[in-house]
Amino acid sequence: MFQQGFTLVLSCLGVIQALFLCFYLFTLKKGNKRANRFLAFVLLALTIRIGKSVFHNYIEVDPRIRNLAISTILAVGPFLWFYGKALLDRQYTFSRKQYVHLIPFGLFVLGSPIIPNRGDIVSYLAYGLVYAHLGVYLVVCWRDILKIKNDVSTQLLQWYQNIVIGVSLIWVVYVGILLRWIPFYILSAISFSFLVYLFSYLLLKRHVFALEKYSGSAIDRVTSRKVFQKVKELLEESEVYLDSDISLNSIAKKLSISSRQLSQVINENEQKNFSEFINHYRIKKAKTLLVDPNYANEKIATIAYDCGFGNVTSFNLAFKGETRLTPSQYRNRFKDI
């Protein structure tokens, strides 16, 4: 009894959280509004379908209502594909013709009062076609991901890929239930809840609109990698990071690019901002000096300044943030290695 109650609460919380995300995306003013709405429709369609699973697991739901909930799966695939296009290809033009992809959804909704839903072979065939429809769109989405992986921002692509993975997992669970390979009907709702909480964390922690700020840049993915290689060569060969006055602008001028483009290159290739990226090189240098016999008697402050840090406090914070050790702890642990 306790296990059933816990499962019900967990599933219901997942549905509520998903509805919150839908509202958040529908009302979001920042970023790519069209892409946000397409993602909201994906979540809403899945939420309705999963919500039906939750209630049907505990109470009898009218077959017509069940059919309406099942019909939403026919909207998930098209909206997931629309979302990828809107998110990753700003040049892609949407027209009314695109919404022909939603015709199967509309037909299923209209036919929901008469479509069989009684557990017989005809009902299973109808369900099978619904999930086959989503399966086709998932294949198309994965094809698009592989096709453009070298042409778009790594972070945007990774975000979209995570969304597609989540929907794919839900699809696998439902197909497993349909084929009776998975005996637990409520597993779909539980898995959905966990995915929703994961997406919520990723969405609110570093929402995709923050990654879209470089979408209008003239630097494409290939150029970004080439420029990043030049940035690395400049830092590793000239050790310009040892200068405490180094700035985004000064490095950008050396590379003959704008500071915004340099920020984009570092963000896309290292998932760090400029300060984090520079500090990584400084800490790498500090780790070498801390175990260097020639620096054995040098104070931590001296090493901090020699590595380009403006003060000891920022050095200690940055060092511990990357190594989980203070500079003194690192020196004592590795000085004899």
Protein backbone atom coordinates (compact mmCIF):
# COMPACT_ATOMS: atom_id res chain seq x y z
CA MET A 1 0.00 0.00 0.00
CA PHE A 2 2.82 2.38 0.91
CA GLN A 3 4.62 1.53 -2.32
CA GLN A 4 1.50 2.28 -4.37
CA GLY A 5 0.99 5.57 -2.57
CA PHE A 6 4.62 6.57 -3.08
CA THR A 7 4.45 5.70 -6.78
CA LEU A 8 1.25 7.71 -7.19
CA VAL A 9 2.73 10.77 -5.44
CA LEU A 10 5.97 10.56 -7.45
CA SER A 11 4.07 10.26 -10.74
CA CYS A 12 1.68 13.11 -9.90
CA LEU A 13 4.55 15.38 -8.90
CA GLY A 14 6.21 14.65 -12.24
CA VAL A 15 3.04 15.64 -14.08
CA ILE A 16 2.69 18.83 -12.03
CA GLN A 17 6.33 19.73 -12.63
CA ALA A 18 5.89 19.13 -16.36
CA LEU A 19 2.86 21.46 -16.43
CA PHE A 20 4.95 24.10 -14.66
CA LEU A 21 7.64 23.76 -17.32
CA CYS A 22 5.03 24.08 -20.07
CA PHE A 23 3.72 27.30 -18.53
CA TYR A 24 7.27 28.58 -18.08
CA LEU A 25 8.16 27.94 -21.73
CA PHE A 26 4.90 29.34 -23.10
CA THR A 27 5.36 32.60 -21.17
CA LEU A 28 9.14 32.95 -21.57
CA LYS A 29 10.11 36.26 -23.17
CA LYS A 30 13.80 35.53 -23.66
CA GLY A 31 15.52 33.52 -26.36
CA ASN A 32 13.94 31.77 -29.31
CA LYS A 33 10.22 32.10 -28.55
CA ARG A 34 9.12 29.82 -31.36
CA ALA A 35 11.50 27.05 -30.28
CA ASN A 36 10.38 27.46 -26.66
CA ARG A 37 6.74 27.00 -27.65
CA PHE A 38 7.48 23.92 -29.72
CA LEU A 39 9.27 22.39 -26.72
CA ALA A 40 6.31 23.35 -24.52
CA PHE A 41 3.97 21.50 -26.90
CA VAL A 42 6.22 18.41 -26.73
CA LEU A 43 6.10 18.46 -22.94
CA LEU A 44 2.36 19.17 -22.85
CA ALA A 45 1.57 16.29 -25.20
CA LEU A 46 3.72 13.89 -23.16
CA THR A 47 2.22 15.19 -19.92
CA ILE A 48 -1.33 14.50 -21.09
CA ARG A 49 -0.35 11.00 -22.19
CA ILE A 50 1.53 10.27 -18.98
CA GLY A 51 -1.25 11.79 -16.86
CA LYS A 52 -3.65 9.32 -18.42
CA SER A 53 -1.31 6.49 -17.50
CA VAL A 54 -1.21 7.65 -13.88
CA PHE A 55 -4.97 7.84 -13.47
CA HIS A 56 -5.74 4.72 -15.51
CA ASN A 57 -3.39 2.72 -13.30
CA TYR A 58 -5.62 3.44 -10.31
CA ILE A 59 -9.08 4.22 -11.69
CA GLU A 60 -11.03 3.26 -14.80
CA VAL A 61 -10.85 5.94 -17.49
CA ASP A 62 -13.47 6.21 -20.23
CA PRO A 63 -12.16 4.75 -23.55
CA ARG A 64 -12.84 8.02 -25.39
CA ILE A 65 -10.73 9.93 -22.85
CA ARG A 66 -8.01 7.29 -23.16
CA ASN A 67 -8.02 7.73 -26.95
CA LEU A 68 -7.73 11.51 -26.63
CA ALA A 69 -4.71 11.06 -24.35
CA ILE A 70 -3.14 8.53 -26.71
CA SER A 71 -3.66 10.91 -29.64
CA THR A 72 -1.17 13.36 -28.11
CA ILE A 73 1.66 10.96 -28.94
CA LEU A 74 0.93 11.77 -32.59
CA ALA A 75 1.79 15.40 -31.82
CA VAL A 76 5.03 14.67 -29.93
CA GLY A 77 7.04 13.62 -32.99
CA PRO A 78 6.18 16.59 -35.22
CA PHE A 79 6.69 19.16 -32.45
CA LEU A 80 9.98 17.54 -31.43
CA TRP A 81 11.15 17.81 -35.03
CA PHE A 82 9.86 21.42 -35.28
CA TYR A 83 11.75 22.22 -32.09
CA GLY A 84 15.03 20.95 -33.53
CA LYS A 85 14.56 22.98 -36.69
CA ALA A 86 13.68 26.17 -34.80
CA LEU A 87 16.50 25.73 -32.29
CA LEU A 88 19.36 24.67 -34.53
CA ASP A 89 18.57 26.23 -37.90
CA ARG A 90 17.67 29.90 -37.72
CA GLN A 91 17.53 30.01 -41.54
CA TYR A 92 14.78 27.39 -41.67
CA THR A 93 11.46 28.94 -42.68
CA PHE A 94 8.24 27.60 -41.20
CA SER A 95 5.08 27.73 -43.26
CA ARG A 96 1.54 26.49 -42.87
CA LYS A 97 2.46 23.48 -44.98
CA GLN A 98 4.61 22.24 -42.11
CA TYR A 99 1.53 21.63 -40.02
CA VAL A 100 0.45 18.87 -42.39
CA HIS A 101 2.54 16.75 -40.03
CA LEU A 102 -0.20 17.20 -37.42
CA ILE A 103 -2.95 15.70 -39.62
CA PRO A 104 -2.65 12.20 -38.03
CA PHE A 105 -3.10 13.82 -34.61
CA GLY A 106 -6.21 15.68 -35.77
CA LEU A 107 -7.71 12.58 -37.38
CA PHE A 108 -7.13 10.51 -34.25
CA VAL A 109 -8.76 13.19 -32.09
CA LEU A 110 -11.81 13.28 -34.37
CA GLY A 111 -12.00 9.51 -34.41
CA SER A 112 -11.43 9.04 -30.68
CA PRO A 113 -15.11 8.17 -29.96
CA ILE A 114 -15.05 5.24 -32.40
CA ILE A 115 -11.44 4.02 -32.38
CA PRO A 116 -11.35 0.67 -30.53
CA ASN A 117 -9.89 0.79 -27.02
CA ARG A 118 -10.85 -2.49 -25.44
CA GLY A 119 -7.62 -4.46 -25.35
CA ASP A 120 -8.26 -6.56 -28.47
CA ILE A 121 -6.03 -7.05 -31.52
CA VAL A 122 -7.57 -4.07 -33.38
CA SER A 123 -6.90 -1.80 -30.38
CA TYR A 124 -3.29 -2.97 -30.15
CA LEU A 125 -2.87 -2.37 -33.88
CA ALA A 126 -4.10 1.21 -33.46
CA TYR A 127 -1.74 1.78 -30.53
CA GLY A 128 1.11 0.21 -32.48
CA LEU A 129 0.59 2.61 -35.38
CA VAL A 130 0.60 5.56 -32.97
CA TYR A 131 3.96 4.57 -31.48
CA ALA A 132 5.35 3.63 -34.89
CA HIS A 133 4.51 7.20 -35.97
CA LEU A 134 6.55 8.61 -33.06
CA GLY A 135 9.33 6.12 -33.81
CA VAL A 136 9.62 7.44 -37.38
CA TYR A 137 9.97 11.02 -36.13
CA LEU A 138 12.58 9.98 -33.60
CA VAL A 139 14.60 8.42 -36.41
CA VAL A 140 14.28 11.68 -38.38
CA CYS A 141 15.40 13.71 -35.36
CA TRP A 142 18.43 11.48 -34.83
CA ARG A 143 19.25 11.72 -38.53
CA ASP A 144 19.17 15.52 -38.30
CA ILE A 145 21.40 15.48 -35.22
CA LEU A 146 24.03 13.38 -37.00
CA LYS A 147 23.72 15.45 -40.16
CA ILE A 148 24.35 18.86 -38.56
CA LYS A 149 26.57 17.94 -35.62
CA ASN A 150 29.57 19.74 -37.14
CA ASP A 151 27.68 22.86 -38.15
CA VAL A 152 26.01 24.11 -34.96
CA SER A 153 26.90 25.02 -31.41
CA THR A 154 27.95 21.96 -29.42
CA GLN A 155 25.93 23.06 -26.42
CA LEU A 156 22.73 23.68 -28.37
CA LEU A 157 23.12 20.36 -30.14
CA GLN A 158 23.80 18.57 -26.86
CA TRP A 159 20.71 20.15 -25.31
CA TYR A 160 18.50 19.03 -28.20
CA GLN A 161 20.11 15.61 -28.17
CA ASN A 162 19.27 15.24 -24.47
CA ILE A 163 15.63 16.10 -25.20
CA VAL A 164 15.50 13.51 -27.99
CA ILE A 165 17.14 10.92 -25.74
CA GLY A 166 14.49 11.56 -23.07
CA VAL A 167 11.61 11.17 -25.53
CA SER A 168 13.28 8.07 -26.99
CA LEU A 169 13.47 6.47 -23.54
CA ILE A 170 9.79 7.14 -22.92
CA TRP A 171 9.00 5.66 -26.34
CA VAL A 172 11.02 2.53 -25.52
CA VAL A 173 9.15 2.10 -22.22
CA TYR A 174 5.74 2.44 -23.87
CA VAL A 175 6.64 0.07 -26.69
CA GLY A 176 7.93 -2.41 -24.10
CA ILE A 177 4.63 -2.15 -22.23
CA LEU A 178 2.65 -2.54 -25.47
CA LEU A 179 4.60 -5.67 -26.39
CA ARG A 180 4.28 -6.93 -22.79
CA TRP A 181 8.05 -6.98 -22.36
CA ILE A 182 7.65 -4.57 -19.43
CA PRO A 183 5.03 -5.73 -16.90
CA PHE A 184 4.79 -2.46 -14.94
CA TYR A 185 2.37 -0.07 -16.64
CA ILE A 186 3.13 2.75 -14.21
CA LEU A 187 6.85 2.58 -15.11
CA SER A 188 6.20 5.01 -17.96
CA ALA A 189 4.94 7.66 -15.53
CA ILE A 190 7.82 7.08 -13.11
CA SER A 191 10.46 7.33 -15.84
CA PHE A 192 8.76 10.47 -17.16
CA SER A 193 8.86 12.03 -13.69
CA PHE A 194 12.59 11.47 -13.36
CA LEU A 195 13.23 12.88 -16.84
CA VAL A 196 11.07 15.94 -16.14
CA TYR A 197 13.01 16.72 -12.97
CA LEU A 198 16.28 16.28 -14.84
CA PHE A 199 15.13 18.60 -17.63
CA SER A 200 13.86 21.09 -15.05
CA TYR A 201 17.26 21.19 -13.41
CA LEU A 202 19.07 21.66 -16.72
CA LEU A 203 16.51 24.16 -17.99
CA LEU A 204 16.51 26.40 -14.94
CA LYS A 205 20.23 26.07 -14.24
CA ARG A 206 21.40 27.00 -17.71
CA HIS A 207 18.48 27.47 -20.01
CA VAL A 208 19.01 27.12 -23.70
CA PHE A 209 18.26 30.81 -24.35
CA ALA A 210 21.57 31.54 -22.62
CA LEU A 211 23.25 29.36 -25.23
CA GLU A 212 21.47 31.07 -28.11
CA LYS A 213 23.17 34.44 -27.64
CA TYR A 214 25.71 33.58 -30.34
CA SER A 215 23.15 32.28 -32.85
CA GLY A 216 23.58 35.34 -35.08
CA SER A 217 27.38 35.13 -35.12
CA ALA A 218 29.31 34.85 -38.38
CA ILE A 219 31.51 32.16 -36.81
CA ASP A 220 30.22 28.69 -37.63
CA ARG A 221 31.14 25.48 -35.83
CA VAL A 222 34.12 24.65 -38.06
CA THR A 223 35.57 28.16 -37.82
CA SER A 224 34.98 28.13 -34.07
CA ARG A 225 37.16 25.06 -33.66
CA LYS A 226 39.93 26.57 -35.79
CA VAL A 227 39.93 29.81 -33.83
CA PHE A 228 39.90 27.90 -30.55
CA GLN A 229 43.00 26.02 -31.64
CA LYS A 230 44.72 29.38 -32.20
CA VAL A 231 43.62 30.52 -28.74
CA LYS A 232 45.14 27.41 -27.18
CA GLU A 233 48.38 27.86 -29.11
CA LEU A 234 48.62 31.48 -27.97
CA LEU A 235 48.12 30.54 -24.32
CA GLU A 236 50.36 27.48 -24.32
CA GLU A 237 53.24 28.93 -26.34
CA SER A 238 53.26 32.54 -25.15
CA GLU A 239 51.80 31.95 -21.66
CA VAL A 240 49.92 35.24 -21.86
CA TYR A 241 47.70 34.05 -19.00
CA LEU A 242 50.58 34.85 -16.61
CA ASP A 243 49.79 38.53 -17.10
CA SER A 244 47.35 39.52 -14.34
CA ASP A 245 45.99 42.32 -16.56
CA ILE A 246 45.01 40.02 -19.39
CA SER A 247 41.47 40.59 -20.67
CA LEU A 248 39.00 39.29 -23.21
CA ASN A 249 39.63 42.35 -25.37
CA SER A 250 43.42 42.04 -25.31
CA ILE A 251 43.34 38.40 -26.42
CA ALA A 252 40.72 39.16 -29.08
CA LYS A 253 42.93 41.89 -30.54
CA LYS A 254 45.88 39.48 -30.77
CA LEU A 255 43.67 37.10 -32.77
CA SER A 256 42.06 39.88 -34.86
CA ILE A 257 38.54 38.95 -33.82
CA SER A 258 35.92 40.67 -31.69
CA SER A 259 35.65 40.03 -27.97
CA ARG A 260 32.13 38.63 -28.53
CA GLN A 261 33.47 36.12 -31.05
CA LEU A 262 36.26 35.09 -28.68
CA SER A 263 33.71 34.60 -25.90
CA GLN A 264 31.65 32.45 -28.26
CA VAL A 265 34.64 30.31 -29.25
CA ILE A 266 35.63 29.62 -25.63
CA ASN A 267 32.04 28.99 -24.53
CA GLU A 268 31.30 26.57 -27.38
CA ASN A 269 34.52 24.57 -27.16
CA GLU A 270 35.22 24.54 -23.42
CA GLN A 271 31.82 25.34 -21.86
CA LYS A 272 33.59 28.00 -19.76
CA ASN A 273 33.54 31.77 -19.64
CA PHE A 274 36.76 33.71 -20.26
CA SER A 275 37.77 33.96 -16.60
CA GLU A 276 37.21 30.25 -15.95
CA PHE A 277 39.17 29.37 -19.08
CA ILE A 278 42.17 31.56 -18.19
CA ASN A 279 42.14 30.41 -14.58
CA HIS A 280 42.30 26.81 -15.77
CA TYR A 281 45.66 27.52 -17.40
CA ARG A 282 46.87 29.47 -14.37
CA ILE A 283 45.95 26.63 -12.02
CA LYS A 284 47.64 24.14 -14.32
CA LYS A 285 50.80 26.25 -14.06
CA ALA A 286 50.38 26.59 -10.30
CA LYS A 287 50.15 22.83 -9.84
CA THR A 288 53.48 22.48 -11.61
CA LEU A 289 55.14 25.14 -9.47
CA LEU A 290 53.74 23.79 -6.20
CA VAL A 291 55.60 20.52 -6.66
CA ASP A 292 58.69 22.04 -8.29
CA PRO A 293 61.72 21.63 -5.96
CA ASN A 294 62.93 25.10 -7.00
CA TYR A 295 59.70 26.54 -5.53
CA ALA A 296 59.68 24.39 -2.40
CA ASN A 297 60.45 27.36 -0.15
CA GLU A 298 58.31 29.88 -1.99
CA LYS A 299 55.16 31.17 -0.35
CA ILE A 300 51.77 30.32 -1.78
CA ALA A 301 51.23 34.04 -2.44
CA THR A 302 54.36 34.19 -4.59
CA ILE A 303 53.15 31.29 -6.72
CA ALA A 304 49.73 32.90 -7.02
CA TYR A 305 51.22 36.13 -8.37
CA ASP A 306 53.67 34.26 -10.63
CA CYS A 307 50.74 32.41 -12.19
CA GLY A 308 48.84 35.58 -13.01
CA PHE A 309 46.40 35.84 -10.11
CA GLY A 310 45.84 39.33 -8.75
CA ASN A 311 45.45 38.22 -5.14
CA VAL A 312 45.80 35.12 -2.98
CA THR A 313 42.10 34.86 -2.14
CA SER A 314 41.00 34.49 -5.76
CA PHE A 315 43.83 32.00 -6.30
CA ASN A 316 42.76 29.85 -3.35
CA LEU A 317 39.10 29.87 -4.42
CA ALA A 318 39.88 29.04 -8.04
CA PHE A 319 42.40 26.35 -7.11
CA LYS A 320 40.10 24.59 -4.67
CA GLY A 321 37.18 24.90 -7.07
CA GLU A 322 39.09 22.93 -9.72
CA THR A 323 41.14 20.49 -7.61
CA ARG A 324 39.02 20.15 -4.42
CA LEU A 325 42.24 20.88 -2.53
CA THR A 326 43.81 24.06 -1.20
CA PRO A 327 47.22 24.95 -2.70
CA SER A 328 48.91 23.91 0.58
CA GLN A 329 47.12 20.56 0.63
CA TYR A 330 48.06 19.96 -2.99
CA ARG A 331 51.73 20.77 -2.29
CA ASN A 332 51.87 18.47 0.73
CA ARG A 333 50.16 15.61 -1.09
CA PHE A 334 52.16 15.67 -4.31
CA LYS A 335 55.51 17.25 -3.50
CA ASP A 336 57.28 13.87 -3.13
CA ILE A 337 55.70 12.22 -6.16
